[in-house]
Each structure stands twice: as structure tokens, then as C-alpha cells.
Amino acid sequence: MSIQAATARAGYHHGGLPAALRAAAIQIVQESGVAGFSLSKAAKRVGVSSGAPYQHYRDGEALLADVAVEGYREIRGAMRQVTVADPAERLGGLAAVQTRFAREHPAVFAVMSHCGLGPATDPGLAAEAERTVALIREVAGEVAGADGSHELALSCVAVAQGFAQLSSDACLAAGATAGQMADRAREVVTLLARSAAA
């Protein structure tokens, strides 16, 4: 189920509590930020007892990690649609995907960027993040070869994350649309990739 579809759910059916809790978490983060989220708030939003979420999540961080996992999966799905033949342009396209996602799903992006989530707290989330970076590294390898793929991938992720942060901040975005911010990320990363190839 896509994040957009999950967010649109108003309630839950039997067996669908995790999806409903994820949707509630996204709504709460959208309204109050990550700091304003709690598992009890999510339970109340869904209309279940405060103890019900613990059947699926050990704590609020685990629920947020689940939201972030879904975010990485959705980003990878979009990245796989970038099929332009030129690897430098494809790398730019992957950066554009990240930037557009941040603009279209700011609450999920905020959760994915939450410093409280990491390999030590959720190995499953770390694995999802690594799978996403691996797609970028694979294309970077086509541009810069095996020896340069890691550094180029890191640089491209840093640029894409920077544009994603700008895109998710209305003031910094200065009226630019999601498409415009994505195009800027695409252009910068494509240029970076061409420079690395040269």
C-alpha cells in the first residue's frame, strides 16, 4: 500500500491496525512534527486502547521506523522507474525522485530524517536504507567505475538530501514547485556525475 493510500485511511479493519497506526503517525507528524508524536496519540487517533499498538510495536520509535521503511520502499519503487539510458542522467533522475518525494510526503521525509532512528535502534530500517543507497551506488558505478562508485554515490545522496531538505521547507523553497526543485536536483547531480566520469 502506498503512503498516500495509507494516509487516506480513516480507520482500520480487523488485522489492519499497523497500517492504520502508520497513517495516524504520518498525520500527527504532519500536524505537530516528530517531536509531537507519541504512540498513545496514534492509538487515540485510530480509536483503539492505548495498549493495542503494543501488539505490533514495542514503542513509538518502532512505529516511526515502520513509517520510514515504507518511505524507503516507495522511493525505491519510483527510482526503478528511472530508466534513461545515460547513467549520469539516470543518477540525476534518482536525485530528482528523492527531492520530489520529500516535497510530496514531508511528514514521511521528516520521519526518515529523524536522528532517533538508526541501525542501532532498528536494523530492519537500516537494511531498507542500504537497499536504497545500493541502487544509487550501482548507477554511480556505471559512471565512475567500481573504485569511484562509493564516493560519487555519497556525493549524489548528499546533494539530493540537501535539495530534499530545501524542498520540504516552504521558506527555503521560495515558491518553487515540487517539479522545479526535483529538476534542480537532477541538473546538479547530472553535472556532478559527468564531472566524475571525465
Protein backbone atom coordinates (compact mmCIF):
# COMPACT_ATOMS: atom_id res chain seq x y z
CA MET A 1 0.00 0.00 0.00
CA SER A 2 1.40 3.40 -0.95
CA ILE A 3 1.98 6.06 1.69
CA GLN A 4 -0.62 8.26 0.05
CA ALA A 5 -3.21 5.49 0.21
CA ALA A 6 -2.30 4.68 3.80
CA THR A 7 -2.63 8.30 4.83
CA ALA A 8 -6.10 8.46 3.30
CA ARG A 9 -7.39 5.65 5.51
CA ALA A 10 -9.69 6.92 8.22
CA GLY A 11 -9.95 3.75 10.27
CA TYR A 12 -8.88 0.16 10.18
CA HIS A 13 -10.31 -3.28 9.63
CA HIS A 14 -9.55 -6.38 11.65
CA GLY A 15 -5.89 -7.19 11.09
CA GLY A 16 -5.17 -3.75 9.64
CA LEU A 17 -4.11 -1.96 12.81
CA PRO A 18 -0.43 -1.49 11.79
CA ALA A 19 -1.44 0.27 8.57
CA ALA A 20 -3.90 2.47 10.45
CA LEU A 21 -1.27 3.33 13.05
CA ARG A 22 1.23 4.24 10.33
CA ALA A 23 -1.37 6.52 8.73
CA ALA A 24 -2.12 8.11 12.10
CA ALA A 25 1.59 8.62 12.77
CA ILE A 26 2.01 10.40 9.43
CA GLN A 27 -0.94 12.67 10.20
CA ILE A 28 0.39 13.52 13.67
CA VAL A 29 3.88 14.27 12.36
CA GLN A 30 2.34 16.42 9.62
CA GLU A 31 0.49 18.43 12.27
CA SER A 32 2.97 18.51 15.16
CA GLY A 33 6.34 17.32 13.89
CA VAL A 34 8.23 14.24 15.00
CA ALA A 35 8.65 15.70 18.49
CA GLY A 36 4.87 15.92 18.83
CA PHE A 37 4.32 12.24 18.04
CA SER A 38 3.60 9.53 20.58
CA LEU A 39 2.26 6.01 20.38
CA SER A 40 -0.64 6.94 22.65
CA LYS A 41 -1.60 9.78 20.30
CA ALA A 42 -1.59 7.37 17.38
CA ALA A 43 -3.79 4.94 19.30
CA LYS A 44 -6.23 7.70 20.17
CA ARG A 45 -6.32 8.89 16.55
CA VAL A 46 -7.17 5.38 15.36
CA GLY A 47 -9.70 4.85 18.15
CA VAL A 48 -8.12 1.91 19.98
CA SER A 49 -6.94 1.48 23.54
CA SER A 50 -3.53 2.81 24.50
CA GLY A 51 -2.29 -0.76 24.90
CA ALA A 52 -3.44 -2.02 21.48
CA PRO A 53 -0.44 -0.71 19.50
CA TYR A 54 1.92 -2.74 21.68
CA GLN A 55 0.63 -5.87 19.99
CA HIS A 56 2.57 -4.71 16.93
CA TYR A 57 5.16 -2.15 18.08
CA ARG A 58 7.45 -2.18 21.11
CA ASP A 59 7.30 1.65 21.31
CA GLY A 60 6.73 4.82 19.31
CA GLU A 61 10.17 4.68 17.71
CA ALA A 62 9.33 1.26 16.28
CA LEU A 63 6.17 2.66 14.68
CA LEU A 64 8.13 5.57 13.23
CA ALA A 65 10.72 3.12 11.91
CA ASP A 66 7.90 1.25 10.17
CA VAL A 67 6.77 4.51 8.55
CA ALA A 68 10.34 5.15 7.38
CA VAL A 69 10.62 1.62 5.98
CA GLU A 70 7.52 2.21 3.87
CA GLY A 71 9.05 5.50 2.73
CA TYR A 72 12.24 3.84 1.53
CA ARG A 73 10.25 1.15 -0.27
CA GLU A 74 8.15 3.75 -2.06
CA ILE A 75 11.24 5.75 -3.05
CA ARG A 76 12.89 2.61 -4.45
CA GLY A 77 9.78 1.82 -6.44
CA ALA A 78 9.92 5.28 -8.01
CA MET A 79 13.66 5.01 -8.59
CA ARG A 80 13.17 1.80 -10.56
CA GLN A 81 11.00 3.78 -12.98
CA VAL A 82 14.01 5.95 -13.91
CA THR A 83 15.22 4.08 -16.99
CA VAL A 84 17.04 6.71 -19.06
CA ALA A 85 19.99 5.07 -20.80
CA ASP A 86 22.70 7.60 -19.94
CA PRO A 87 23.95 6.70 -16.43
CA ALA A 88 24.80 10.32 -15.50
CA GLU A 89 21.26 11.39 -16.40
CA ARG A 90 19.87 8.35 -14.60
CA LEU A 91 21.77 9.32 -11.45
CA GLY A 92 20.25 12.78 -11.76
CA GLY A 93 16.85 11.17 -12.11
CA LEU A 94 17.35 9.24 -8.87
CA ALA A 95 18.16 12.51 -7.08
CA ALA A 96 15.00 14.05 -8.53
CA VAL A 97 12.96 11.16 -7.12
CA GLN A 98 14.30 11.80 -3.61
CA THR A 99 13.62 15.53 -3.82
CA ARG A 100 10.10 15.12 -5.19
CA PHE A 101 9.28 12.53 -2.53
CA ALA A 102 10.37 14.92 0.24
CA ARG A 103 8.10 17.63 -1.13
CA GLU A 104 5.10 15.38 -1.70
CA HIS A 105 5.47 13.45 1.59
CA PRO A 106 7.04 15.94 4.03
CA ALA A 107 5.91 14.11 7.16
CA VAL A 108 7.33 10.79 5.98
CA PHE A 109 10.56 12.51 4.93
CA ALA A 110 10.77 14.09 8.40
CA VAL A 111 10.43 10.64 9.97
CA MET A 112 13.07 9.19 7.63
CA SER A 113 15.43 12.02 8.64
CA HIS A 114 14.70 11.63 12.36
CA CYS A 115 18.03 11.26 14.18
CA GLY A 116 16.47 8.90 16.73
CA LEU A 117 16.13 6.21 14.09
CA GLY A 118 19.22 4.33 13.02
CA PRO A 119 20.97 0.96 12.72
CA ALA A 120 21.29 0.58 16.47
CA THR A 121 17.59 1.10 17.10
CA ASP A 122 16.16 -0.67 14.05
CA PRO A 123 18.30 -2.98 11.90
CA GLY A 124 15.38 -3.55 9.52
CA LEU A 125 15.20 0.15 8.77
CA ALA A 126 18.96 0.29 8.26
CA ALA A 127 18.66 -2.55 5.74
CA GLU A 128 15.94 -0.71 3.80
CA ALA A 129 18.05 2.44 3.70
CA GLU A 130 21.06 0.43 2.47
CA ARG A 131 18.98 -1.16 -0.32
CA THR A 132 18.03 2.33 -1.48
CA VAL A 133 21.63 3.56 -1.39
CA ALA A 134 22.68 0.39 -3.24
CA LEU A 135 20.52 1.40 -6.21
CA ILE A 136 22.28 4.76 -6.30
CA ARG A 137 25.71 3.13 -5.88
CA GLU A 138 25.00 0.75 -8.76
CA VAL A 139 24.33 3.62 -11.17
CA ALA A 140 27.29 5.58 -9.77
CA GLY A 141 29.45 2.58 -10.61
CA GLU A 142 28.38 2.82 -14.25
CA VAL A 143 29.59 6.42 -14.25
CA ALA A 144 32.76 6.31 -12.17
CA GLY A 145 33.69 2.64 -12.11
CA ALA A 146 33.92 0.38 -9.09
CA ASP A 147 36.68 2.42 -7.42
CA GLY A 148 34.78 5.71 -7.61
CA SER A 149 31.23 4.47 -7.12
CA HIS A 150 31.11 4.87 -3.35
CA GLU A 151 32.33 8.47 -3.27
CA LEU A 152 30.12 9.51 -6.18
CA ALA A 153 27.09 7.83 -4.63
CA LEU A 154 27.73 9.61 -1.31
CA SER A 155 28.08 12.96 -3.07
CA CYS A 156 24.88 12.40 -5.02
CA VAL A 157 22.96 11.39 -1.91
CA ALA A 158 24.25 14.48 -0.12
CA VAL A 159 23.09 16.75 -2.96
CA ALA A 160 19.72 15.02 -3.19
CA GLN A 161 19.24 15.20 0.58
CA GLY A 162 20.14 18.86 0.54
CA PHE A 163 17.57 19.64 -2.14
CA ALA A 164 15.07 17.45 -0.31
CA GLN A 165 15.58 19.50 2.86
CA LEU A 166 15.18 22.72 0.90
CA SER A 167 12.11 21.36 -0.81
CA SER A 168 10.45 20.36 2.46
CA ASP A 169 10.90 23.86 3.91
CA ALA A 170 8.38 26.30 2.42
CA CYS A 171 10.54 29.33 3.22
CA LEU A 172 13.71 27.90 1.71
CA ALA A 173 11.86 26.55 -1.32
CA ALA A 174 10.79 30.16 -2.02
CA GLY A 175 7.72 29.23 -4.02
CA ALA A 176 9.39 26.60 -6.18
CA THR A 177 7.14 23.69 -7.08
CA ALA A 178 8.00 20.07 -6.34
CA GLY A 179 8.83 19.59 -10.01
CA GLN A 180 11.11 22.62 -10.11
CA MET A 181 13.04 21.51 -7.02
CA ALA A 182 13.33 18.00 -8.43
CA ASP A 183 14.65 19.42 -11.72
CA ARG A 184 17.30 21.43 -9.85
CA ALA A 185 18.47 18.31 -8.03
CA ARG A 186 18.51 16.41 -11.32
CA GLU A 187 20.63 19.07 -13.04
CA VAL A 188 23.19 19.37 -10.23
CA VAL A 189 23.65 15.62 -9.80
CA THR A 190 23.86 15.04 -13.56
CA LEU A 191 26.60 17.66 -13.78
CA LEU A 192 28.38 16.11 -10.81
CA ALA A 193 28.20 12.69 -12.44
CA ARG A 194 29.50 13.97 -15.76
CA SER A 195 32.40 15.64 -13.95
CA ALA A 196 33.21 12.37 -12.17
CA ALA A 197 33.11 10.49 -15.46
CA ALA A 198 35.52 12.99 -17.04
